[in-house]
Amino acid sequence: MAKCFNVHLHVIEHNSEEHLKQVAYKQHMLENPEDRAAYEAKKKAVLAEGNTVQDDYGKAKSPFVKDVLARLA
């Protein structure tokens, strides 16, 4: 039986400010295992709080992402 997966996708302009921020964030997370572990813990905590609806989940983990992005600026 085939599995079905929900996909959440953002389409952004290549080399736009948002694209470059996303690339920097991804690179930072790949190079910083402490932040990766902290992000994983945050996401697990958000789910444990019952935030399973995509919008609620995103809003709850957003402060972590924004903090990392602010440190990269």
PDB file of N, CA and C in Angstrom:
ATOM      1  N   MET A   1       0.841  -1.177   0.000  1.00  0.00           N
ATOM      2  CA  MET A   1       0.000   0.000   0.000  1.00  0.00           C
ATOM      3  C   MET A   1       0.895   1.252   0.000  1.00  0.00           C
ATOM      4  N   ALA A   2       0.598   2.182  -0.861  1.00  0.00           N
ATOM      5  CA  ALA A   2       1.379   3.417  -0.965  1.00  0.00           C
ATOM      6  C   ALA A   2       1.084   4.317   0.229  1.00  0.00           C
ATOM      7  N   LYS A   3       2.102   5.017   0.685  1.00  0.00           N
ATOM      8  CA  LYS A   3       1.943   5.970   1.787  1.00  0.00           C
ATOM      9  C   LYS A   3       1.661   7.353   1.224  1.00  0.00           C
ATOM     10  N   CYS A   4       0.896   8.104   1.950  1.00  0.00           N
ATOM     11  CA  CYS A   4       0.570   9.475   1.566  1.00  0.00           C
ATOM     12  C   CYS A   4       1.210  10.419   2.572  1.00  0.00           C
ATOM     13  N   PHE A   5       1.897  11.442   2.081  1.00  0.00           N
ATOM     14  CA  PHE A   5       2.542  12.419   2.938  1.00  0.00           C
ATOM     15  C   PHE A   5       2.022  13.807   2.599  1.00  0.00           C
ATOM     16  N   ASN A   6       1.728  14.579   3.625  1.00  0.00           N
ATOM     17  CA  ASN A   6       1.399  15.984   3.415  1.00  0.00           C
ATOM     18  C   ASN A   6       2.694  16.748   3.226  1.00  0.00           C
ATOM     19  N   VAL A   7       2.684  17.691   2.319  1.00  0.00           N
ATOM     20  CA  VAL A   7       3.867  18.500   2.044  1.00  0.00           C
ATOM     21  C   VAL A   7       3.515  19.965   2.237  1.00  0.00           C
ATOM     22  N   HIS A   8       4.368  20.672   2.956  1.00  0.00           N
ATOM     23  CA  HIS A   8       4.210  22.113   3.147  1.00  0.00           C
ATOM     24  C   HIS A   8       5.331  22.774   2.364  1.00  0.00           C
ATOM     25  N   LEU A   9       4.969  23.598   1.404  1.00  0.00           N
ATOM     26  CA  LEU A   9       5.948  24.133   0.479  1.00  0.00           C
ATOM     27  C   LEU A   9       5.835  25.650   0.393  1.00  0.00           C
ATOM     28  N   HIS A  10       6.974  26.309   0.373  1.00  0.00           N
ATOM     29  CA  HIS A  10       7.031  27.753   0.142  1.00  0.00           C
ATOM     30  C   HIS A  10       7.753  27.978  -1.177  1.00  0.00           C
ATOM     31  N   VAL A  11       7.230  28.848  -1.991  1.00  0.00           N
ATOM     32  CA  VAL A  11       7.880  29.211  -3.248  1.00  0.00           C
ATOM     33  C   VAL A  11       8.347  30.650  -3.107  1.00  0.00           C
ATOM     34  N   ILE A  12       9.668  30.843  -3.227  1.00  0.00           N
ATOM     35  CA  ILE A  12      10.234  32.189  -3.103  1.00  0.00           C
ATOM     36  C   ILE A  12      11.180  32.448  -4.267  1.00  0.00           C
ATOM     37  N   GLU A  13      11.345  33.702  -4.575  1.00  0.00           N
ATOM     38  CA  GLU A  13      12.188  34.093  -5.703  1.00  0.00           C
ATOM     39  C   GLU A  13      13.655  33.776  -5.414  1.00  0.00           C
ATOM     40  N   HIS A  14      14.312  33.152  -6.385  1.00  0.00           N
ATOM     41  CA  HIS A  14      15.730  32.816  -6.255  1.00  0.00           C
ATOM     42  C   HIS A  14      16.553  34.089  -6.051  1.00  0.00           C
ATOM     43  N   ASN A  15      17.467  34.047  -5.091  1.00  0.00           N
ATOM     44  CA  ASN A  15      18.365  35.145  -4.727  1.00  0.00           C
ATOM     45  C   ASN A  15      17.661  36.364  -4.142  1.00  0.00           C
ATOM     46  N   SER A  16      16.392  36.218  -3.795  1.00  0.00           N
ATOM     47  CA  SER A  16      15.699  37.300  -3.096  1.00  0.00           C
ATOM     48  C   SER A  16      16.204  37.347  -1.650  1.00  0.00           C
ATOM     49  N   GLU A  17      15.862  38.404  -0.943  1.00  0.00           N
ATOM     50  CA  GLU A  17      16.277  38.524   0.465  1.00  0.00           C
ATOM     51  C   GLU A  17      15.785  37.321   1.271  1.00  0.00           C
ATOM     52  N   GLU A  18      14.534  36.932   1.058  1.00  0.00           N
ATOM     53  CA  GLU A  18      13.978  35.784   1.787  1.00  0.00           C
ATOM     54  C   GLU A  18      14.729  34.505   1.439  1.00  0.00           C
ATOM     55  N   HIS A  19      15.044  34.304   0.177  1.00  0.00           N
ATOM     56  CA  HIS A  19      15.791  33.117  -0.246  1.00  0.00           C
ATOM     57  C   HIS A  19      17.159  33.077   0.436  1.00  0.00           C
ATOM     58  N   LEU A  20      17.857  34.191   0.435  1.00  0.00           N
ATOM     59  CA  LEU A  20      19.189  34.241   1.037  1.00  0.00           C
ATOM     60  C   LEU A  20      19.129  34.001   2.548  1.00  0.00           C
ATOM     61  N   LYS A  21      18.074  34.505   3.209  1.00  0.00           N
ATOM     62  CA  LYS A  21      17.898  34.229   4.641  1.00  0.00           C
ATOM     63  C   LYS A  21      17.689  32.740   4.878  1.00  0.00           C
ATOM     64  N   GLN A  22      16.879  32.104   4.033  1.00  0.00           N
ATOM     65  CA  GLN A  22      16.617  30.679   4.189  1.00  0.00           C
ATOM     66  C   GLN A  22      17.882  29.852   3.965  1.00  0.00           C
ATOM     67  N   VAL A  23      18.670  30.229   2.984  1.00  0.00           N
ATOM     68  CA  VAL A  23      19.929  29.529   2.712  1.00  0.00           C
ATOM     69  C   VAL A  23      20.888  29.692   3.894  1.00  0.00           C
ATOM     70  N   ALA A  24      20.989  30.908   4.421  1.00  0.00           N
ATOM     71  CA  ALA A  24      21.870  31.159   5.570  1.00  0.00           C
ATOM     72  C   ALA A  24      21.417  30.359   6.787  1.00  0.00           C
ATOM     73  N   TYR A  25      20.107  30.306   7.011  1.00  0.00           N
ATOM     74  CA  TYR A  25      19.567  29.543   8.138  1.00  0.00           C
ATOM     75  C   TYR A  25      19.906  28.059   7.983  1.00  0.00           C
ATOM     76  N   LYS A  26      19.663  27.525   6.801  1.00  0.00           N
ATOM     77  CA  LYS A  26      19.955  26.110   6.563  1.00  0.00           C
ATOM     78  C   LYS A  26      21.436  25.818   6.775  1.00  0.00           C
ATOM     79  N   GLN A  27      22.294  26.668   6.238  1.00  0.00           N
ATOM     80  CA  GLN A  27      23.735  26.461   6.389  1.00  0.00           C
ATOM     81  C   GLN A  27      24.150  26.521   7.854  1.00  0.00           C
ATOM     82  N   HIS A  28      23.580  27.487   8.572  1.00  0.00           N
ATOM     83  CA  HIS A  28      23.882  27.612  10.005  1.00  0.00           C
ATOM     84  C   HIS A  28      23.475  26.343  10.747  1.00  0.00           C
ATOM     85  N   MET A  29      22.283  25.847  10.465  1.00  0.00           N
ATOM     86  CA  MET A  29      21.810  24.657  11.170  1.00  0.00           C
ATOM     87  C   MET A  29      22.662  23.436  10.825  1.00  0.00           C
ATOM     88  N   LEU A  30      23.123  23.339   9.578  1.00  0.00           N
ATOM     89  CA  LEU A  30      23.991  22.224   9.203  1.00  0.00           C
ATOM     90  C   LEU A  30      25.333  22.281   9.923  1.00  0.00           C
ATOM     91  N   GLU A  31      25.812  23.487  10.195  1.00  0.00           N
ATOM     92  CA  GLU A  31      27.135  23.671  10.793  1.00  0.00           C
ATOM     93  C   GLU A  31      27.117  23.783  12.314  1.00  0.00           C
ATOM     94  N   ASN A  32      25.939  23.809  12.940  1.00  0.00           N
ATOM     95  CA  ASN A  32      25.836  24.036  14.384  1.00  0.00           C
ATOM     96  C   ASN A  32      24.949  22.985  15.044  1.00  0.00           C
ATOM     97  N   PRO A  33      25.551  21.871  15.448  1.00  0.00           N
ATOM     98  CA  PRO A  33      24.758  20.788  16.037  1.00  0.00           C
ATOM     99  C   PRO A  33      24.027  21.198  17.311  1.00  0.00           C
ATOM    100  N   GLU A  34      24.556  22.183  18.045  1.00  0.00           N
ATOM    101  CA  GLU A  34      23.867  22.624  19.270  1.00  0.00           C
ATOM    102  C   GLU A  34      22.532  23.259  18.915  1.00  0.00           C
ATOM    103  N   ASP A  35      22.518  24.105  17.909  1.00  0.00           N
ATOM    104  CA  ASP A  35      21.273  24.746  17.489  1.00  0.00           C
ATOM    105  C   ASP A  35      20.317  23.736  16.863  1.00  0.00           C
ATOM    106  N   ARG A  36      20.851  22.760  16.131  1.00  0.00           N
ATOM    107  CA  ARG A  36      19.991  21.704  15.574  1.00  0.00           C
ATOM    108  C   ARG A  36      19.291  20.953  16.691  1.00  0.00           C
ATOM    109  N   ALA A  37      20.052  20.604  17.729  1.00  0.00           N
ATOM    110  CA  ALA A  37      19.471  19.868  18.854  1.00  0.00           C
ATOM    111  C   ALA A  37      18.440  20.731  19.589  1.00  0.00           C
ATOM    112  N   ALA A  38      18.749  22.011  19.752  1.00  0.00           N
ATOM    113  CA  ALA A  38      17.806  22.909  20.418  1.00  0.00           C
ATOM    114  C   ALA A  38      16.533  23.061  19.597  1.00  0.00           C
ATOM    115  N   TYR A  39      16.666  23.141  18.278  1.00  0.00           N
ATOM    116  CA  TYR A  39      15.499  23.268  17.404  1.00  0.00           C
ATOM    117  C   TYR A  39      14.649  22.001  17.449  1.00  0.00           C
ATOM    118  N   GLU A  40      15.305  20.862  17.434  1.00  0.00           N
ATOM    119  CA  GLU A  40      14.578  19.596  17.544  1.00  0.00           C
ATOM    120  C   GLU A  40      13.815  19.538  18.865  1.00  0.00           C
ATOM    121  N   ALA A  41      14.478  19.943  19.952  1.00  0.00           N
ATOM    122  CA  ALA A  41      13.815  19.942  21.262  1.00  0.00           C
ATOM    123  C   ALA A  41      12.627  20.903  21.276  1.00  0.00           C
ATOM    124  N   LYS A  42      12.793  22.062  20.655  1.00  0.00           N
ATOM    125  CA  LYS A  42      11.697  23.035  20.595  1.00  0.00           C
ATOM    126  C   LYS A  42      10.517  22.454  19.835  1.00  0.00           C
ATOM    127  N   LYS A  43      10.774  21.847  18.689  1.00  0.00           N
ATOM    128  CA  LYS A  43       9.696  21.271  17.891  1.00  0.00           C
ATOM    129  C   LYS A  43       8.980  20.150  18.648  1.00  0.00           C
ATOM    130  N   LYS A  44       9.729  19.329  19.365  1.00  0.00           N
ATOM    131  CA  LYS A  44       9.104  18.268  20.159  1.00  0.00           C
ATOM    132  C   LYS A  44       8.252  18.856  21.280  1.00  0.00           C
ATOM    133  N   ALA A  45       8.738  19.932  21.902  1.00  0.00           N
ATOM    134  CA  ALA A  45       7.974  20.584  22.963  1.00  0.00           C
ATOM    135  C   ALA A  45       6.687  21.193  22.408  1.00  0.00           C
ATOM    136  N   VAL A  46       6.774  21.804  21.253  1.00  0.00           N
ATOM    137  CA  VAL A  46       5.591  22.390  20.607  1.00  0.00           C
ATOM    138  C   VAL A  46       4.547  21.303  20.351  1.00  0.00           C
ATOM    139  N   LEU A  47       4.978  20.162  19.843  1.00  0.00           N
ATOM    140  CA  LEU A  47       4.055  19.055  19.600  1.00  0.00           C
ATOM    141  C   LEU A  47       3.492  18.509  20.908  1.00  0.00           C
ATOM    142  N   ALA A  48       4.332  18.418  21.940  1.00  0.00           N
ATOM    143  CA  ALA A  48       3.882  17.913  23.238  1.00  0.00           C
ATOM    144  C   ALA A  48       2.830  18.829  23.860  1.00  0.00           C
ATOM    145  N   GLU A  49       2.873  20.112  23.499  1.00  0.00           N
ATOM    146  CA  GLU A  49       1.873  21.069  23.986  1.00  0.00           C
ATOM    147  C   GLU A  49       0.553  20.930  23.233  1.00  0.00           C
ATOM    148  N   GLY A  50       0.529  20.068  22.228  1.00  0.00           N
ATOM    149  CA  GLY A  50      -0.695  19.823  21.484  1.00  0.00           C
ATOM    150  C   GLY A  50      -0.841  20.657  20.226  1.00  0.00           C
ATOM    151  N   ASN A  51       0.216  21.356  19.823  1.00  0.00           N
ATOM    152  CA  ASN A  51       0.169  22.180  18.609  1.00  0.00           C
ATOM    153  C   ASN A  51       0.437  21.300  17.389  1.00  0.00           C
ATOM    154  N   THR A  52      -0.621  20.693  16.886  1.00  0.00           N
ATOM    155  CA  THR A  52      -0.470  19.804  15.741  1.00  0.00           C
ATOM    156  C   THR A  52      -1.062  20.382  14.452  1.00  0.00           C
ATOM    157  N   VAL A  53      -1.774  21.488  14.554  1.00  0.00           N
ATOM    158  CA  VAL A  53      -2.283  22.173  13.362  1.00  0.00           C
ATOM    159  C   VAL A  53      -1.132  22.993  12.788  1.00  0.00           C
ATOM    160  N   GLN A  54      -0.925  22.914  11.477  1.00  0.00           N
ATOM    161  CA  GLN A  54       0.249  23.514  10.845  1.00  0.00           C
ATOM    162  C   GLN A  54       0.473  24.967  11.261  1.00  0.00           C
ATOM    163  N   ASP A  55      -0.567  25.799  11.200  1.00  0.00           N
ATOM    164  CA  ASP A  55      -0.388  27.220  11.544  1.00  0.00           C
ATOM    165  C   ASP A  55       0.023  27.402  12.999  1.00  0.00           C
ATOM    166  N   ASP A  56      -0.618  26.672  13.903  1.00  0.00           N
ATOM    167  CA  ASP A  56      -0.290  26.775  15.323  1.00  0.00           C
ATOM    168  C   ASP A  56       1.133  26.282  15.594  1.00  0.00           C
ATOM    169  N   TYR A  57       1.491  25.183  14.957  1.00  0.00           N
ATOM    170  CA  TYR A  57       2.830  24.620  15.096  1.00  0.00           C
ATOM    171  C   TYR A  57       3.878  25.625  14.617  1.00  0.00           C
ATOM    172  N   GLY A  58       3.654  26.210  13.450  1.00  0.00           N
ATOM    173  CA  GLY A  58       4.590  27.191  12.901  1.00  0.00           C
ATOM    174  C   GLY A  58       4.740  28.415  13.790  1.00  0.00           C
ATOM    175  N   LYS A  59       3.633  28.925  14.291  1.00  0.00           N
ATOM    176  CA  LYS A  59       3.673  30.101  15.165  1.00  0.00           C
ATOM    177  C   LYS A  59       4.407  29.800  16.465  1.00  0.00           C
ATOM    178  N   ALA A  60       4.232  28.597  16.988  1.00  0.00           N
ATOM    179  CA  ALA A  60       4.852  28.243  18.261  1.00  0.00           C
ATOM    180  C   ALA A  60       6.364  28.072  18.158  1.00  0.00           C
ATOM    181  N   LYS A  61       6.858  27.631  17.006  1.00  0.00           N
ATOM    182  CA  LYS A  61       8.308  27.457  16.855  1.00  0.00           C
ATOM    183  C   LYS A  61       8.982  28.666  16.213  1.00  0.00           C
ATOM    184  N   SER A  62       8.187  29.595  15.738  1.00  0.00           N
ATOM    185  CA  SER A  62       8.697  30.778  15.056  1.00  0.00           C
ATOM    186  C   SER A  62       9.696  31.597  15.869  1.00  0.00           C
ATOM    187  N   PRO A  63       9.471  31.806  17.176  1.00  0.00           N
ATOM    188  CA  PRO A  63      10.457  32.601  17.932  1.00  0.00           C
ATOM    189  C   PRO A  63      11.866  32.011  17.897  1.00  0.00           C
ATOM    190  N   PHE A  64      11.973  30.690  17.890  1.00  0.00           N
ATOM    191  CA  PHE A  64      13.291  30.067  17.816  1.00  0.00           C
ATOM    192  C   PHE A  64      13.962  30.411  16.493  1.00  0.00           C
ATOM    193  N   VAL A  65      13.228  30.242  15.411  1.00  0.00           N
ATOM    194  CA  VAL A  65      13.772  30.509  14.077  1.00  0.00           C
ATOM    195  C   VAL A  65      14.161  31.982  13.959  1.00  0.00           C
ATOM    196  N   LYS A  66      13.292  32.872  14.427  1.00  0.00           N
ATOM    197  CA  LYS A  66      13.577  34.308  14.357  1.00  0.00           C
ATOM    198  C   LYS A  66      14.814  34.683  15.165  1.00  0.00           C
ATOM    199  N   ASP A  67      15.007  34.018  16.310  1.00  0.00           N
ATOM    200  CA  ASP A  67      16.194  34.272  17.128  1.00  0.00           C
ATOM    201  C   ASP A  67      17.463  33.875  16.378  1.00  0.00           C
ATOM    202  N   VAL A  68      17.446  32.719  15.744  1.00  0.00           N
ATOM    203  CA  VAL A  68      18.611  32.278  14.974  1.00  0.00           C
ATOM    204  C   VAL A  68      18.858  33.251  13.825  1.00  0.00           C
ATOM    205  N   LEU A  69      17.817  33.633  13.107  1.00  0.00           N
ATOM    206  CA  LEU A  69      17.981  34.561  11.986  1.00  0.00           C
ATOM    207  C   LEU A  69      18.531  35.902  12.452  1.00  0.00           C
ATOM    208  N   ALA A  70      18.109  36.366  13.627  1.00  0.00           N
ATOM    209  CA  ALA A  70      18.616  37.641  14.157  1.00  0.00           C
ATOM    210  C   ALA A  70      20.102  37.542  14.465  1.00  0.00           C
ATOM    211  N   ARG A  71      20.528  36.390  14.957  1.00  0.00           N
ATOM    212  CA  ARG A  71      21.963  36.204  15.232  1.00  0.00           C
ATOM    213  C   ARG A  71      22.785  36.155  13.952  1.00  0.00           C
ATOM    214  N   LEU A  72      22.167  35.768  12.851  1.00  0.00           N
ATOM    215  CA  LEU A  72      22.881  35.680  11.584  1.00  0.00           C
ATOM    216  C   LEU A  72      22.986  37.019  10.868  1.00  0.00           C
ATOM    217  N   ALA A  73      22.129  37.942  11.250  1.00  0.00           N
ATOM    218  CA  ALA A  73      22.086  39.254  10.562  1.00  0.00           C
ATOM    219  C   ALA A  73      23.303  40.102  10.880  1.00  0.00           C
TER     220      ALA A  73
END
